[in-house]
PDB file of N, CA and C in Angstrom:
ATOM      1  N   UNK A   1       0.848  -1.185   0.000  1.00  0.00           N
ATOM      2  CA  UNK A   1       0.000   0.000   0.000  1.00  0.00           C
ATOM      3  C   UNK A   1       0.893   1.247   0.000  1.00  0.00           C
ATOM      4  N   UNK A   2       0.655   2.159  -0.940  1.00  0.00           N
ATOM      5  CA  UNK A   2       1.467   3.376  -0.993  1.00  0.00           C
ATOM      6  C   UNK A   2       1.336   4.211   0.281  1.00  0.00           C
ATOM      7  N   UNK A   3       2.461   4.701   0.729  1.00  0.00           N
ATOM      8  CA  UNK A   3       2.477   5.551   1.918  1.00  0.00           C
ATOM      9  C   UNK A   3       2.548   7.021   1.549  1.00  0.00           C
ATOM     10  N   UNK A   4       2.995   7.299   0.344  1.00  0.00           N
ATOM     11  CA  UNK A   4       3.197   8.682  -0.079  1.00  0.00           C
ATOM     12  C   UNK A   4       2.221   9.039  -1.188  1.00  0.00           C
ATOM     13  N   UNK A   5       1.778  10.296  -1.179  1.00  0.00           N
ATOM     14  CA  UNK A   5       0.849  10.771  -2.199  1.00  0.00           C
ATOM     15  C   UNK A   5       1.242  12.184  -2.611  1.00  0.00           C
ATOM     16  N   UNK A   6       0.801  12.627  -3.788  1.00  0.00           N
ATOM     17  CA  UNK A   6       1.193  13.942  -4.300  1.00  0.00           C
ATOM     18  C   UNK A   6       0.793  15.107  -3.401  1.00  0.00           C
ATOM     19  N   UNK A   7      -0.236  14.938  -2.601  1.00  0.00           N
ATOM     20  CA  UNK A   7      -0.732  16.052  -1.784  1.00  0.00           C
ATOM     21  C   UNK A   7      -0.067  16.150  -0.410  1.00  0.00           C
ATOM     22  N   UNK A   8       0.926  15.306  -0.149  1.00  0.00           N
ATOM     23  CA  UNK A   8       1.624  15.353   1.145  1.00  0.00           C
ATOM     24  C   UNK A   8       2.570  16.546   1.199  1.00  0.00           C
ATOM     25  N   UNK A   9       2.654  17.154   2.375  1.00  0.00           N
ATOM     26  CA  UNK A   9       3.597  18.251   2.573  1.00  0.00           C
ATOM     27  C   UNK A   9       5.025  17.702   2.604  1.00  0.00           C
ATOM     28  N   UNK A  10       5.947  18.455   2.031  1.00  0.00           N
ATOM     29  CA  UNK A  10       7.342  18.046   1.964  1.00  0.00           C
ATOM     30  C   UNK A  10       7.890  17.758   3.367  1.00  0.00           C
ATOM     31  N   UNK A  11       7.564  18.608   4.314  1.00  0.00           N
ATOM     32  CA  UNK A  11       8.057  18.409   5.681  1.00  0.00           C
ATOM     33  C   UNK A  11       7.620  17.050   6.233  1.00  0.00           C
ATOM     34  N   UNK A  12       6.372  16.666   5.977  1.00  0.00           N
ATOM     35  CA  UNK A  12       5.871  15.376   6.451  1.00  0.00           C
ATOM     36  C   UNK A  12       6.601  14.221   5.762  1.00  0.00           C
ATOM     37  N   UNK A  13       6.869  14.379   4.475  1.00  0.00           N
ATOM     38  CA  UNK A  13       7.586  13.348   3.730  1.00  0.00           C
ATOM     39  C   UNK A  13       9.004  13.211   4.290  1.00  0.00           C
ATOM     40  N   UNK A  14       9.677  14.339   4.495  1.00  0.00           N
ATOM     41  CA  UNK A  14      11.046  14.319   5.022  1.00  0.00           C
ATOM     42  C   UNK A  14      11.135  13.652   6.389  1.00  0.00           C
ATOM     43  N   UNK A  15      10.151  13.873   7.220  1.00  0.00           N
ATOM     44  CA  UNK A  15      10.174  13.332   8.579  1.00  0.00           C
ATOM     45  C   UNK A  15       9.752  11.861   8.635  1.00  0.00           C
ATOM     46  N   UNK A  16       9.245  11.336   7.544  1.00  0.00           N
ATOM     47  CA  UNK A  16       8.681   9.988   7.562  1.00  0.00           C
ATOM     48  C   UNK A  16       9.703   8.857   7.472  1.00  0.00           C
ATOM     49  N   UNK A  17      10.856   9.130   6.874  1.00  0.00           N
ATOM     50  CA  UNK A  17      11.818   8.049   6.634  1.00  0.00           C
ATOM     51  C   UNK A  17      13.192   8.653   6.367  1.00  0.00           C
ATOM     52  N   UNK A  18      14.249   8.064   6.911  1.00  0.00           N
ATOM     53  CA  UNK A  18      15.593   8.615   6.692  1.00  0.00           C
ATOM     54  C   UNK A  18      16.065   8.525   5.234  1.00  0.00           C
ATOM     55  N   UNK A  19      15.481   7.681   4.430  1.00  0.00           N
ATOM     56  CA  UNK A  19      15.890   7.531   3.034  1.00  0.00           C
ATOM     57  C   UNK A  19      15.312   8.565   2.098  1.00  0.00           C
ATOM     58  N   UNK A  20      14.364   9.356   2.571  1.00  0.00           N
ATOM     59  CA  UNK A  20      13.705  10.352   1.720  1.00  0.00           C
ATOM     60  C   UNK A  20      14.696  11.398   1.211  1.00  0.00           C
ATOM     61  N   UNK A  21      15.559  11.889   2.080  1.00  0.00           N
ATOM     62  CA  UNK A  21      16.521  12.929   1.689  1.00  0.00           C
ATOM     63  C   UNK A  21      17.384  12.483   0.522  1.00  0.00           C
ATOM     64  N   UNK A  22      17.815  11.246   0.539  1.00  0.00           N
ATOM     65  CA  UNK A  22      18.647  10.726  -0.553  1.00  0.00           C
ATOM     66  C   UNK A  22      17.883  10.739  -1.877  1.00  0.00           C
ATOM     67  N   UNK A  23      16.623  10.370  -1.845  1.00  0.00           N
ATOM     68  CA  UNK A  23      15.808  10.383  -3.064  1.00  0.00           C
ATOM     69  C   UNK A  23      15.650  11.811  -3.573  1.00  0.00           C
ATOM     70  N   UNK A  24      15.334  12.737  -2.676  1.00  0.00           N
ATOM     71  CA  UNK A  24      15.201  14.126  -3.087  1.00  0.00           C
ATOM     72  C   UNK A  24      16.506  14.648  -3.687  1.00  0.00           C
ATOM     73  N   UNK A  25      17.620  14.369  -3.027  1.00  0.00           N
ATOM     74  CA  UNK A  25      18.924  14.832  -3.507  1.00  0.00           C
ATOM     75  C   UNK A  25      19.245  14.263  -4.882  1.00  0.00           C
ATOM     76  N   UNK A  26      18.905  13.019  -5.103  1.00  0.00           N
ATOM     77  CA  UNK A  26      19.158  12.376  -6.391  1.00  0.00           C
ATOM     78  C   UNK A  26      18.432  13.105  -7.523  1.00  0.00           C
ATOM     79  N   UNK A  27      17.340  13.752  -7.195  1.00  0.00           N
ATOM     80  CA  UNK A  27      16.557  14.487  -8.195  1.00  0.00           C
ATOM     81  C   UNK A  27      16.834  15.989  -8.160  1.00  0.00           C
ATOM     82  N   UNK A  28      17.852  16.385  -7.414  1.00  0.00           N
ATOM     83  CA  UNK A  28      18.230  17.795  -7.359  1.00  0.00           C
ATOM     84  C   UNK A  28      17.315  18.655  -6.502  1.00  0.00           C
ATOM     85  N   UNK A  29      16.604  18.032  -5.574  1.00  0.00           N
ATOM     86  CA  UNK A  29      15.680  18.754  -4.699  1.00  0.00           C
ATOM     87  C   UNK A  29      16.328  18.959  -3.333  1.00  0.00           C
ATOM     88  N   UNK A  30      16.561  20.201  -2.978  1.00  0.00           N
ATOM     89  CA  UNK A  30      17.168  20.525  -1.676  1.00  0.00           C
ATOM     90  C   UNK A  30      16.078  20.852  -0.667  1.00  0.00           C
ATOM     91  N   UNK A  31      15.106  19.987  -0.576  1.00  0.00           N
ATOM     92  CA  UNK A  31      13.922  20.241   0.250  1.00  0.00           C
ATOM     93  C   UNK A  31      14.231  20.343   1.739  1.00  0.00           C
ATOM     94  N   UNK A  32      15.254  19.682   2.190  1.00  0.00           N
ATOM     95  CA  UNK A  32      15.592  19.704   3.606  1.00  0.00           C
ATOM     96  C   UNK A  32      16.006  21.079   4.097  1.00  0.00           C
ATOM     97  N   UNK A  33      16.479  21.908   3.195  1.00  0.00           N
ATOM     98  CA  UNK A  33      16.918  23.252   3.584  1.00  0.00           C
ATOM     99  C   UNK A  33      15.970  24.340   3.071  1.00  0.00           C
ATOM    100  N   UNK A  34      14.843  23.957   2.558  1.00  0.00           N
ATOM    101  CA  UNK A  34      13.905  24.919   1.993  1.00  0.00           C
ATOM    102  C   UNK A  34      12.964  25.465   3.069  1.00  0.00           C
ATOM    103  N   UNK A  35      12.806  26.780   3.079  1.00  0.00           N
ATOM    104  CA  UNK A  35      11.932  27.414   4.070  1.00  0.00           C
ATOM    105  C   UNK A  35      10.460  27.091   3.838  1.00  0.00           C
ATOM    106  N   UNK A  36      10.105  26.633   2.650  1.00  0.00           N
ATOM    107  CA  UNK A  36       8.705  26.376   2.323  1.00  0.00           C
ATOM    108  C   UNK A  36       8.312  24.907   2.485  1.00  0.00           C
ATOM    109  N   UNK A  37       9.187  24.095   3.041  1.00  0.00           N
ATOM    110  CA  UNK A  37       8.920  22.656   3.149  1.00  0.00           C
ATOM    111  C   UNK A  37       7.668  22.339   3.960  1.00  0.00           C
ATOM    112  N   UNK A  38       7.300  23.229   4.854  1.00  0.00           N
ATOM    113  CA  UNK A  38       6.101  22.970   5.660  1.00  0.00           C
ATOM    114  C   UNK A  38       4.832  23.523   5.009  1.00  0.00           C
ATOM    115  N   UNK A  39       4.975  24.080   3.786  1.00  0.00           N
ATOM    116  CA  UNK A  39       3.816  24.641   3.082  1.00  0.00           C
ATOM    117  C   UNK A  39       3.603  24.037   1.697  1.00  0.00           C
ATOM    118  N   UNK A  40       4.642  23.448   1.116  1.00  0.00           N
ATOM    119  CA  UNK A  40       4.577  22.936  -0.251  1.00  0.00           C
ATOM    120  C   UNK A  40       4.287  21.449  -0.274  1.00  0.00           C
ATOM    121  N   UNK A  41       3.547  21.032  -1.276  1.00  0.00           N
ATOM    122  CA  UNK A  41       3.251  19.615  -1.446  1.00  0.00           C
ATOM    123  C   UNK A  41       4.275  18.967  -2.368  1.00  0.00           C
ATOM    124  N   UNK A  42       4.314  17.679  -2.333  1.00  0.00           N
ATOM    125  CA  UNK A  42       5.183  16.914  -3.209  1.00  0.00           C
ATOM    126  C   UNK A  42       4.874  17.234  -4.675  1.00  0.00           C
ATOM    127  N   UNK A  43       3.606  17.320  -5.004  1.00  0.00           N
ATOM    128  CA  UNK A  43       3.182  17.634  -6.374  1.00  0.00           C
ATOM    129  C   UNK A  43       3.698  19.011  -6.801  1.00  0.00           C
ATOM    130  N   UNK A  44       3.553  20.010  -5.940  1.00  0.00           N
ATOM    131  CA  UNK A  44       3.966  21.375  -6.274  1.00  0.00           C
ATOM    132  C   UNK A  44       5.473  21.464  -6.463  1.00  0.00           C
ATOM    133  N   UNK A  45       6.226  20.827  -5.597  1.00  0.00           N
ATOM    134  CA  UNK A  45       7.685  20.867  -5.692  1.00  0.00           C
ATOM    135  C   UNK A  45       8.153  20.148  -6.949  1.00  0.00           C
ATOM    136  N   UNK A  46       7.565  19.005  -7.231  1.00  0.00           N
ATOM    137  CA  UNK A  46       7.940  18.267  -8.436  1.00  0.00           C
ATOM    138  C   UNK A  46       7.672  19.122  -9.677  1.00  0.00           C
ATOM    139  N   UNK A  47       6.522  19.739  -9.721  1.00  0.00           N
ATOM    140  CA  UNK A  47       6.171  20.584 -10.867  1.00  0.00           C
ATOM    141  C   UNK A  47       7.131  21.774 -10.972  1.00  0.00           C
ATOM    142  N   UNK A  48       7.394  22.426  -9.868  1.00  0.00           N
ATOM    143  CA  UNK A  48       8.254  23.606  -9.834  1.00  0.00           C
ATOM    144  C   UNK A  48       9.672  23.287 -10.310  1.00  0.00           C
ATOM    145  N   UNK A  49      10.157  22.095  -9.992  1.00  0.00           N
ATOM    146  CA  UNK A  49      11.526  21.707 -10.327  1.00  0.00           C
ATOM    147  C   UNK A  49      11.601  20.781 -11.539  1.00  0.00           C
ATOM    148  N   UNK A  50      10.473  20.637 -12.227  1.00  0.00           N
ATOM    149  CA  UNK A  50      10.389  19.814 -13.444  1.00  0.00           C
ATOM    150  C   UNK A  50      10.877  18.390 -13.214  1.00  0.00           C
ATOM    151  N   UNK A  51      10.392  17.815 -12.132  1.00  0.00           N
ATOM    152  CA  UNK A  51      10.677  16.430 -11.771  1.00  0.00           C
ATOM    153  C   UNK A  51       9.362  15.674 -11.836  1.00  0.00           C
ATOM    154  N   UNK A  52       9.394  14.463 -12.321  1.00  0.00           N
ATOM    155  CA  UNK A  52       8.183  13.656 -12.413  1.00  0.00           C
ATOM    156  C   UNK A  52       7.705  13.251 -11.017  1.00  0.00           C
ATOM    157  N   UNK A  53       6.505  13.687 -10.660  1.00  0.00           N
ATOM    158  CA  UNK A  53       5.962  13.303  -9.354  1.00  0.00           C
ATOM    159  C   UNK A  53       5.713  11.803  -9.316  1.00  0.00           C
ATOM    160  N   UNK A  54       5.381  11.222 -10.462  1.00  0.00           N
ATOM    161  CA  UNK A  54       5.152   9.784 -10.510  1.00  0.00           C
ATOM    162  C   UNK A  54       6.435   9.018 -10.184  1.00  0.00           C
ATOM    163  N   UNK A  55       7.563   9.490 -10.722  1.00  0.00           N
ATOM    164  CA  UNK A  55       8.848   8.855 -10.437  1.00  0.00           C
ATOM    165  C   UNK A  55       9.193   8.990  -8.959  1.00  0.00           C
ATOM    166  N   UNK A  56       8.993  10.189  -8.418  1.00  0.00           N
ATOM    167  CA  UNK A  56       9.251  10.387  -6.993  1.00  0.00           C
ATOM    168  C   UNK A  56       8.405   9.452  -6.149  1.00  0.00           C
ATOM    169  N   UNK A  57       7.134   9.333  -6.488  1.00  0.00           N
ATOM    170  CA  UNK A  57       6.232   8.477  -5.711  1.00  0.00           C
ATOM    171  C   UNK A  57       6.660   7.012  -5.777  1.00  0.00           C
ATOM    172  N   UNK A  58       7.077   6.554  -6.951  1.00  0.00           N
ATOM    173  CA  UNK A  58       7.533   5.168  -7.077  1.00  0.00           C
ATOM    174  C   UNK A  58       8.739   4.944  -6.175  1.00  0.00           C
ATOM    175  N   UNK A  59       9.701   5.872  -6.222  1.00  0.00           N
ATOM    176  CA  UNK A  59      10.904   5.712  -5.407  1.00  0.00           C
ATOM    177  C   UNK A  59      10.601   5.827  -3.915  1.00  0.00           C
ATOM    178  N   UNK A  60       9.778   6.798  -3.543  1.00  0.00           N
ATOM    179  CA  UNK A  60       9.432   6.963  -2.132  1.00  0.00           C
ATOM    180  C   UNK A  60       8.669   5.757  -1.603  1.00  0.00           C
ATOM    181  N   UNK A  61       7.720   5.287  -2.389  1.00  0.00           N
ATOM    182  CA  UNK A  61       6.910   4.154  -1.938  1.00  0.00           C
ATOM    183  C   UNK A  61       7.670   2.832  -1.979  1.00  0.00           C
ATOM    184  N   UNK A  62       8.870   2.836  -2.579  1.00  0.00           N
ATOM    185  CA  UNK A  62       9.680   1.617  -2.560  1.00  0.00           C
ATOM    186  C   UNK A  62      10.605   1.573  -1.343  1.00  0.00           C
ATOM    187  N   UNK A  63      10.644   2.651  -0.572  1.00  0.00           N
ATOM    188  CA  UNK A  63      11.431   2.641   0.667  1.00  0.00           C
ATOM    189  C   UNK A  63      10.856   1.585   1.605  1.00  0.00           C
ATOM    190  N   UNK A  64      11.726   0.877   2.309  1.00  0.00           N
ATOM    191  CA  UNK A  64      11.213  -0.141   3.233  1.00  0.00           C
ATOM    192  C   UNK A  64      10.406   0.482   4.359  1.00  0.00           C
ATOM    193  N   UNK A  65       9.379  -0.212   4.748  1.00  0.00           N
ATOM    194  CA  UNK A  65       8.545   0.229   5.854  1.00  0.00           C
ATOM    195  C   UNK A  65       9.336   0.056   7.146  1.00  0.00           C
ATOM    196  N   UNK A  66       9.571   1.130   7.856  1.00  0.00           N
ATOM    197  CA  UNK A  66      10.391   1.068   9.068  1.00  0.00           C
ATOM    198  C   UNK A  66       9.770   0.177  10.138  1.00  0.00           C
ATOM    199  N   UNK A  67       8.461   0.141  10.226  1.00  0.00           N
ATOM    200  CA  UNK A  67       7.824  -0.696  11.248  1.00  0.00           C
ATOM    201  C   UNK A  67       8.041  -2.175  10.938  1.00  0.00           C
ATOM    202  N   UNK A  68       8.113  -2.537   9.650  1.00  0.00           N
ATOM    203  CA  UNK A  68       8.378  -3.931   9.287  1.00  0.00           C
ATOM    204  C   UNK A  68       9.821  -4.284   9.598  1.00  0.00           C
ATOM    205  N   UNK A  69      10.747  -3.346   9.359  1.00  0.00           N
ATOM    206  CA  UNK A  69      12.153  -3.607   9.634  1.00  0.00           C
ATOM    207  C   UNK A  69      12.410  -3.766  11.125  1.00  0.00           C
ATOM    208  N   UNK A  70      11.698  -3.013  11.952  1.00  0.00           N
ATOM    209  CA  UNK A  70      11.882  -3.109  13.399  1.00  0.00           C
ATOM    210  C   UNK A  70      11.432  -4.459  13.935  1.00  0.00           C
ATOM    211  N   UNK A  71      10.463  -5.075  13.261  1.00  0.00           N
ATOM    212  CA  UNK A  71       9.938  -6.345  13.703  1.00  0.00           C
ATOM    213  C   UNK A  71      10.808  -7.532  13.322  1.00  0.00           C
ATOM    214  N   UNK A  72      11.823  -7.298  12.506  1.00  0.00           N
ATOM    215  CA  UNK A  72      12.674  -8.404  12.044  1.00  0.00           C
ATOM    216  C   UNK A  72      13.710  -8.755  13.051  1.00  0.00           C
TER     217      UNK A  72
END
């Protein structure tokens, strides 16, 4: 089940998993240092930076679920 959606705020996405920053950086998104991270959605940032939101969602949703990893 997808955990990330286009309407999520960047700040919420960043706080959700330690691997998110690496994905953003790979796409040239410096969201961790952006003052608007608590106001912008994933969709808006992707559009603004000409990055495919669909690609971001695939990569974000492929991150391992931390709760499943803790149970191992």
